[in-house]
């Protein structure tokens, strides 16, 4: 009676091993095929480019938020700017540490709107130098409208960046980076909704 039981257990173990090997083989095959399907840019390159780009992207949001104090009296806008500034400064520090740990170049966040993708084109949603100048030159309700419209556009650009990262096969698999990208997506969608509500309540120009 014991021999069939042992044989049965052995069969179960063998099936488990075969299934594990099959799964591993499939994952290995996907890992080998995916980069070629996407082109020459590897998942690791995409991860690093995303973090480097998001540092510049966050830095401009902090720069925009710094304009609020002297240009509006609306408490809800001041609170929004403070929340954006604090959260994105913290995330910039985290991203700099992540790049350091991965041996990648760390952009200078002080560059603000002057930083771009490295090809002379601003990253998605980022305001141009002219748009930043117009924002800085405004005040009162005109500033409120420009700021909210500009920051909505800016946040939508961040969503685009997350979407582009996740379309690269194998990218954002590192847990910390995946969690960060997911948080950016969720947080910025929520803030877009809040800003649209604020914009709708502003008096007509």
Protein backbone atom coordinates (compact mmCIF):
# COMPACT_ATOMS: atom_id res chain seq x y z
CA UNK A 1 0.00 0.00 0.00
CA UNK A 2 2.90 2.33 0.62
CA UNK A 3 4.56 1.83 -2.76
CA UNK A 4 1.69 3.30 -4.84
CA UNK A 5 1.49 6.29 -2.48
CA UNK A 6 5.21 6.96 -2.87
CA UNK A 7 4.92 6.57 -6.60
CA UNK A 8 2.01 9.00 -6.64
CA UNK A 9 3.96 11.56 -4.62
CA UNK A 10 6.94 11.16 -6.96
CA UNK A 11 4.68 11.70 -9.95
CA UNK A 12 3.31 14.89 -8.38
CA UNK A 13 6.84 16.18 -7.75
CA UNK A 14 7.87 15.39 -11.31
CA UNK A 15 4.83 17.19 -12.73
CA UNK A 16 5.62 20.21 -10.55
CA UNK A 17 9.21 20.30 -11.79
CA UNK A 18 8.13 19.99 -15.42
CA UNK A 19 5.57 22.80 -15.01
CA UNK A 20 8.15 25.06 -13.33
CA UNK A 21 10.66 24.42 -16.10
CA UNK A 22 8.04 25.12 -18.75
CA UNK A 23 7.09 28.41 -17.06
CA UNK A 24 10.74 29.42 -16.70
CA UNK A 25 11.40 28.58 -20.31
CA UNK A 26 8.45 30.66 -21.46
CA UNK A 27 9.58 33.65 -19.37
CA UNK A 28 13.13 33.31 -20.71
CA UNK A 29 11.85 33.18 -24.27
CA UNK A 30 9.73 36.30 -23.72
CA UNK A 31 12.71 38.11 -22.19
CA UNK A 32 14.83 37.25 -25.22
CA UNK A 33 12.21 38.27 -27.78
CA UNK A 34 10.81 41.44 -26.15
CA UNK A 35 13.79 43.82 -26.63
CA UNK A 36 14.04 42.98 -30.32
CA UNK A 37 10.32 43.61 -30.77
CA UNK A 38 10.66 47.06 -29.22
CA UNK A 39 13.89 48.08 -30.91
CA UNK A 40 17.35 48.79 -29.57
CA UNK A 41 16.21 50.48 -26.34
CA UNK A 42 16.44 48.02 -23.46
CA UNK A 43 14.13 47.89 -20.48
CA UNK A 44 16.97 49.07 -18.23
CA UNK A 45 17.60 52.05 -20.53
CA UNK A 46 13.88 52.89 -20.44
CA UNK A 47 13.81 52.73 -16.65
CA UNK A 48 16.76 55.09 -16.31
CA UNK A 49 15.49 57.51 -18.98
CA UNK A 50 12.10 57.63 -17.25
CA UNK A 51 13.58 58.49 -13.86
CA UNK A 52 15.97 61.07 -15.32
CA UNK A 53 13.15 62.68 -17.27
CA UNK A 54 10.77 62.64 -14.33
CA UNK A 55 13.30 64.54 -12.19
CA UNK A 56 13.23 67.43 -14.68
CA UNK A 57 9.45 67.10 -14.97
CA UNK A 58 8.95 67.27 -11.20
CA UNK A 59 11.42 70.15 -10.92
CA UNK A 60 9.31 72.30 -13.20
CA UNK A 61 6.19 71.56 -11.15
CA UNK A 62 8.08 72.74 -8.05
CA UNK A 63 9.20 75.85 -9.96
CA UNK A 64 5.63 76.59 -10.99
CA UNK A 65 4.33 76.08 -7.46
CA UNK A 66 6.91 78.52 -6.08
CA UNK A 67 5.20 81.30 -8.07
CA UNK A 68 1.92 80.93 -6.18
CA UNK A 69 2.73 82.74 -2.92
CA UNK A 70 3.11 86.23 -4.42
CA UNK A 71 0.53 85.95 -7.20
CA UNK A 72 -2.73 84.70 -5.68
CA UNK A 73 -4.76 85.01 -2.51
CA UNK A 74 -6.84 81.88 -3.11
CA UNK A 75 -6.22 79.51 -0.14
CA UNK A 76 -7.15 76.40 -2.10
CA UNK A 77 -4.55 77.22 -4.75
CA UNK A 78 -1.93 77.89 -2.09
CA UNK A 79 -2.72 74.54 -0.47
CA UNK A 80 -2.47 72.77 -3.84
CA UNK A 81 0.90 74.36 -4.57
CA UNK A 82 2.26 73.41 -1.15
CA UNK A 83 1.14 69.81 -1.61
CA UNK A 84 2.71 69.59 -5.07
CA UNK A 85 5.95 71.20 -3.90
CA UNK A 86 6.43 68.98 -0.84
CA UNK A 87 5.51 65.70 -2.53
CA UNK A 88 7.54 66.27 -5.67
CA UNK A 89 10.64 67.44 -3.80
CA UNK A 90 10.50 64.21 -1.80
CA UNK A 91 10.12 62.19 -4.99
CA UNK A 92 13.03 64.02 -6.63
CA UNK A 93 15.26 62.98 -3.72
CA UNK A 94 14.06 59.39 -4.04
CA UNK A 95 14.72 59.37 -7.80
CA UNK A 96 18.21 60.82 -7.34
CA UNK A 97 18.99 58.04 -4.86
CA UNK A 98 17.59 55.42 -7.26
CA UNK A 99 19.81 56.68 -10.09
CA UNK A 100 22.84 56.72 -7.77
CA UNK A 101 22.18 53.11 -6.76
CA UNK A 102 21.94 52.12 -10.44
CA UNK A 103 25.11 53.96 -11.47
CA UNK A 104 23.28 56.36 -13.79
CA UNK A 105 23.76 60.07 -14.40
CA UNK A 106 21.75 62.29 -12.06
CA UNK A 107 20.21 65.40 -13.69
CA UNK A 108 20.38 68.73 -11.87
CA UNK A 109 16.79 69.59 -10.86
CA UNK A 110 17.77 73.26 -10.63
CA UNK A 111 17.55 73.38 -14.43
CA UNK A 112 13.74 73.62 -14.23
CA UNK A 113 12.05 74.26 -17.57
CA UNK A 114 15.40 74.37 -19.36
CA UNK A 115 15.71 70.60 -18.99
CA UNK A 116 14.25 68.40 -21.70
CA UNK A 117 14.60 64.99 -23.26
CA UNK A 118 18.12 65.67 -24.49
CA UNK A 119 16.98 66.08 -28.10
CA UNK A 120 15.93 69.74 -27.95
CA UNK A 121 12.27 68.88 -27.30
CA UNK A 122 10.44 69.40 -24.02
CA UNK A 123 9.08 66.28 -22.40
CA UNK A 124 5.32 65.67 -22.42
CA UNK A 125 3.34 68.37 -20.66
CA UNK A 126 6.25 70.60 -19.76
CA UNK A 127 5.74 74.34 -20.22
CA UNK A 128 7.98 76.18 -22.66
CA UNK A 129 10.20 79.05 -21.52
CA UNK A 130 7.65 81.48 -22.99
CA UNK A 131 4.79 79.84 -21.08
CA UNK A 132 6.77 79.98 -17.85
CA UNK A 133 7.50 83.68 -18.43
CA UNK A 134 3.81 84.41 -19.06
CA UNK A 135 2.89 82.56 -15.86
CA UNK A 136 5.45 84.49 -13.83
CA UNK A 137 4.27 87.82 -15.30
CA UNK A 138 0.61 87.25 -14.35
CA UNK A 139 -1.21 87.70 -11.06
CA UNK A 140 -4.67 87.42 -9.51
CA UNK A 141 -7.39 85.53 -11.41
CA UNK A 142 -5.30 85.54 -14.60
CA UNK A 143 -2.50 83.73 -12.77
CA UNK A 144 -4.97 81.30 -11.21
CA UNK A 145 -6.30 80.29 -14.62
CA UNK A 146 -2.85 80.04 -16.22
CA UNK A 147 -1.46 78.03 -13.32
CA UNK A 148 -4.29 75.51 -13.21
CA UNK A 149 -4.40 75.06 -16.98
CA UNK A 150 -0.61 74.73 -17.10
CA UNK A 151 -0.41 72.27 -14.22
CA UNK A 152 -3.23 70.14 -15.66
CA UNK A 153 -1.27 69.96 -18.91
CA UNK A 154 1.89 69.21 -16.90
CA UNK A 155 0.27 66.37 -14.96
CA UNK A 156 -1.21 64.89 -18.15
CA UNK A 157 2.34 64.82 -19.53
CA UNK A 158 3.46 62.79 -16.51
CA UNK A 159 0.69 60.27 -17.25
CA UNK A 160 1.99 60.05 -20.82
CA UNK A 161 5.50 59.36 -19.53
CA UNK A 162 4.26 56.56 -17.29
CA UNK A 163 2.27 55.07 -20.16
CA UNK A 164 5.30 55.17 -22.47
CA UNK A 165 7.45 53.44 -19.83
CA UNK A 166 4.96 50.64 -19.28
CA UNK A 167 4.73 49.97 -23.02
CA UNK A 168 8.42 49.01 -23.11
CA UNK A 169 8.63 45.20 -22.73
CA UNK A 170 10.28 44.35 -19.43
CA UNK A 171 10.42 47.93 -18.12
CA UNK A 172 9.37 48.96 -14.60
CA UNK A 173 9.80 45.41 -13.28
CA UNK A 174 11.96 46.60 -10.37
CA UNK A 175 9.48 46.84 -7.45
CA UNK A 176 10.46 50.32 -6.24
CA UNK A 177 10.24 51.78 -9.74
CA UNK A 178 6.94 50.07 -10.53
CA UNK A 179 5.43 51.32 -7.28
CA UNK A 180 6.67 54.85 -7.99
CA UNK A 181 5.26 54.85 -11.53
CA UNK A 182 1.91 53.56 -10.23
CA UNK A 183 1.87 56.25 -7.53
CA UNK A 184 2.63 58.98 -10.08
CA UNK A 185 -0.25 57.77 -12.24
CA UNK A 186 -2.74 57.61 -9.36
CA UNK A 187 -1.68 60.84 -7.64
CA UNK A 188 -1.59 62.94 -10.77
CA UNK A 189 -4.97 61.70 -11.97
CA UNK A 190 -6.45 62.69 -8.60
CA UNK A 191 -4.82 66.12 -8.73
CA UNK A 192 -6.02 66.70 -12.31
CA UNK A 193 -9.58 66.10 -11.10
CA UNK A 194 -9.11 68.56 -8.21
CA UNK A 195 -7.58 71.19 -10.48
CA UNK A 196 -10.35 70.89 -13.05
CA UNK A 197 -12.86 71.45 -10.26
CA UNK A 198 -10.94 74.54 -9.07
CA UNK A 199 -10.69 75.87 -12.61
CA UNK A 200 -14.44 75.46 -13.11
CA UNK A 201 -15.11 77.59 -10.01
CA UNK A 202 -12.95 80.53 -11.11
CA UNK A 203 -14.76 83.67 -12.31
CA UNK A 204 -14.93 84.11 -16.07
CA UNK A 205 -12.13 86.30 -17.49
